[in-house]
Structures are given as structure tokens and as C-alpha cells.
Amino acid sequence: MKDTDRCYKHQEQADIERRRRAQLTLPPLVDLKTVQREIGNVAQALIEDRIDEDYAGELLQKLERASMALRGSRA
């Protein structure tokens, strides 16, 4: 590509690496309200292309497990 430092493929790889470095981290999941808020944050980060689908899936699995554990502790 003219007038660029990287070709298309290398730019794509750099973008993936940039997203990985800026990954969203979950706070302590101490209550269901926090879990719900973080589900929204994960969705927003995915929409804004700050994280990829695989990482979003990992985060949502953690949120699901936390939600189930928190619901079980209320009973």
C-alpha cells in the first residue's frame, strides 16, 4: 500500500494486538448489579471494536458463572 508503514495484513495484525493490549478487565463481581453492569460494558466494548468476539465470549462466560454463584448464595 502506498504511503503507509504497513501492508493491509500487517495493519490488521497490529489492530488485533492493539485490542488485546487494551482488553477490558472485570472488577470484583460481588453482586448481581455489578454483573449486569459488566455485561453492558462487554457488549459496548464489542460494539466499539475494543475487544474481539473470542475475548467477549470468555468474559461473558465468567460473568455467567459469577451470576450463577451469586444467585446460589442468596438462597
C-alpha atoms as a PDB file:
ATOM      1  CA  MET A   1       0.000   0.000   0.000  1.00  0.00           C
ATOM      2  CA  LYS A   2       1.355   3.384  -0.935  1.00  0.00           C
ATOM      3  CA  ASP A   3       2.193   5.975   1.704  1.00  0.00           C
ATOM      4  CA  THR A   4       1.710   3.605   4.640  1.00  0.00           C
ATOM      5  CA  ASP A   5       4.100   1.949   7.054  1.00  0.00           C
ATOM      6  CA  ARG A   6       2.382  -1.431   6.856  1.00  0.00           C
ATOM      7  CA  CYS A   7       0.626  -3.588   4.333  1.00  0.00           C
ATOM      8  CA  TYR A   8      -3.025  -4.452   4.852  1.00  0.00           C
ATOM      9  CA  LYS A   9      -2.297  -7.790   6.546  1.00  0.00           C
ATOM     10  CA  HIS A  10       0.288  -6.358   8.947  1.00  0.00           C
ATOM     11  CA  GLN A  11      -2.027  -3.479   9.794  1.00  0.00           C
ATOM     12  CA  GLU A  12      -4.787  -5.962  10.599  1.00  0.00           C
ATOM     13  CA  GLN A  13      -2.423  -7.881  12.893  1.00  0.00           C
ATOM     14  CA  ALA A  14      -1.361  -4.633  14.596  1.00  0.00           C
ATOM     15  CA  ASP A  15      -5.025  -3.725  15.169  1.00  0.00           C
ATOM     16  CA  ILE A  16      -5.699  -7.118  16.766  1.00  0.00           C
ATOM     17  CA  GLU A  17      -2.682  -6.707  19.027  1.00  0.00           C
ATOM     18  CA  ARG A  18      -3.786  -3.185  19.999  1.00  0.00           C
ATOM     19  CA  ARG A  19      -7.205  -4.509  21.006  1.00  0.00           C
ATOM     20  CA  ARG A  20      -5.627  -7.299  23.042  1.00  0.00           C
ATOM     21  CA  ARG A  21      -3.416  -4.837  24.930  1.00  0.00           C
ATOM     22  CA  ALA A  22      -6.408  -2.651  25.742  1.00  0.00           C
ATOM     23  CA  GLN A  23      -8.564  -5.535  26.860  1.00  0.00           C
ATOM     24  CA  LEU A  24     -11.381  -4.986  29.227  1.00  0.00           C
ATOM     25  CA  THR A  25     -10.844  -6.378  32.712  1.00  0.00           C
ATOM     26  CA  LEU A  26     -13.604  -7.315  35.089  1.00  0.00           C
ATOM     27  CA  PRO A  27     -13.835  -5.783  38.561  1.00  0.00           C
ATOM     28  CA  PRO A  28     -14.600  -7.950  41.594  1.00  0.00           C
ATOM     29  CA  LEU A  29     -18.038  -9.435  40.935  1.00  0.00           C
ATOM     30  CA  VAL A  30     -19.552  -9.009  44.371  1.00  0.00           C
ATOM     31  CA  ASP A  31     -23.238  -8.610  43.489  1.00  0.00           C
ATOM     32  CA  LEU A  32     -25.701  -9.123  40.648  1.00  0.00           C
ATOM     33  CA  LYS A  33     -25.874  -5.398  39.893  1.00  0.00           C
ATOM     34  CA  THR A  34     -22.124  -5.379  39.162  1.00  0.00           C
ATOM     35  CA  VAL A  35     -22.522  -8.445  36.935  1.00  0.00           C
ATOM     36  CA  GLN A  36     -25.326  -6.764  34.971  1.00  0.00           C
ATOM     37  CA  ARG A  37     -23.294  -3.570  34.563  1.00  0.00           C
ATOM     38  CA  GLU A  38     -20.301  -5.526  33.291  1.00  0.00           C
ATOM     39  CA  ILE A  39     -22.425  -7.396  30.750  1.00  0.00           C
ATOM     40  CA  GLY A  40     -23.308  -3.993  29.329  1.00  0.00           C
ATOM     41  CA  ASN A  41     -19.650  -2.937  29.372  1.00  0.00           C
ATOM     42  CA  VAL A  42     -18.617  -6.076  27.493  1.00  0.00           C
ATOM     43  CA  ALA A  43     -21.345  -5.500  24.891  1.00  0.00           C
ATOM     44  CA  GLN A  44     -20.300  -1.877  24.460  1.00  0.00           C
ATOM     45  CA  ALA A  45     -16.612  -2.795  24.095  1.00  0.00           C
ATOM     46  CA  LEU A  46     -17.544  -5.374  21.459  1.00  0.00           C
ATOM     47  CA  ILE A  47     -19.690  -2.879  19.550  1.00  0.00           C
ATOM     48  CA  GLU A  48     -16.877  -0.316  19.657  1.00  0.00           C
ATOM     49  CA  ASP A  49     -14.419  -2.974  18.416  1.00  0.00           C
ATOM     50  CA  ARG A  50     -12.246  -2.600  21.534  1.00  0.00           C
ATOM     51  CA  ILE A  51     -12.359  -6.372  22.096  1.00  0.00           C
ATOM     52  CA  ASP A  52     -12.850  -9.300  19.752  1.00  0.00           C
ATOM     53  CA  GLU A  53     -15.610 -11.878  19.836  1.00  0.00           C
ATOM     54  CA  ASP A  54     -13.462 -14.571  21.437  1.00  0.00           C
ATOM     55  CA  TYR A  55     -12.479 -12.382  24.375  1.00  0.00           C
ATOM     56  CA  ALA A  56     -16.058 -11.152  24.767  1.00  0.00           C
ATOM     57  CA  GLY A  57     -17.156 -14.780  24.961  1.00  0.00           C
ATOM     58  CA  GLU A  58     -14.594 -15.503  27.678  1.00  0.00           C
ATOM     59  CA  LEU A  59     -15.744 -12.511  29.704  1.00  0.00           C
ATOM     60  CA  LEU A  60     -19.406 -13.396  29.317  1.00  0.00           C
ATOM     61  CA  GLN A  61     -18.720 -16.951  30.487  1.00  0.00           C
ATOM     62  CA  LYS A  62     -17.035 -15.570  33.616  1.00  0.00           C
ATOM     63  CA  LEU A  63     -19.989 -13.255  34.170  1.00  0.00           C
ATOM     64  CA  GLU A  64     -22.431 -16.131  33.760  1.00  0.00           C
ATOM     65  CA  ARG A  65     -20.553 -18.246  36.320  1.00  0.00           C
ATOM     66  CA  ALA A  66     -20.442 -15.314  38.759  1.00  0.00           C
ATOM     67  CA  SER A  67     -24.155 -14.693  38.266  1.00  0.00           C
ATOM     68  CA  MET A  68     -24.992 -18.320  38.970  1.00  0.00           C
ATOM     69  CA  ALA A  69     -22.777 -18.361  42.078  1.00  0.00           C
ATOM     70  CA  LEU A  70     -24.281 -15.137  43.386  1.00  0.00           C
ATOM     71  CA  ARG A  71     -27.821 -16.381  42.826  1.00  0.00           C
ATOM     72  CA  GLY A  72     -26.954 -19.599  44.647  1.00  0.00           C
ATOM     73  CA  SER A  73     -25.544 -17.690  47.604  1.00  0.00           C
ATOM     74  CA  ARG A  74     -28.803 -15.727  48.026  1.00  0.00           C
ATOM     75  CA  ALA A  75     -30.904 -18.859  48.517  1.00  0.00           C
END
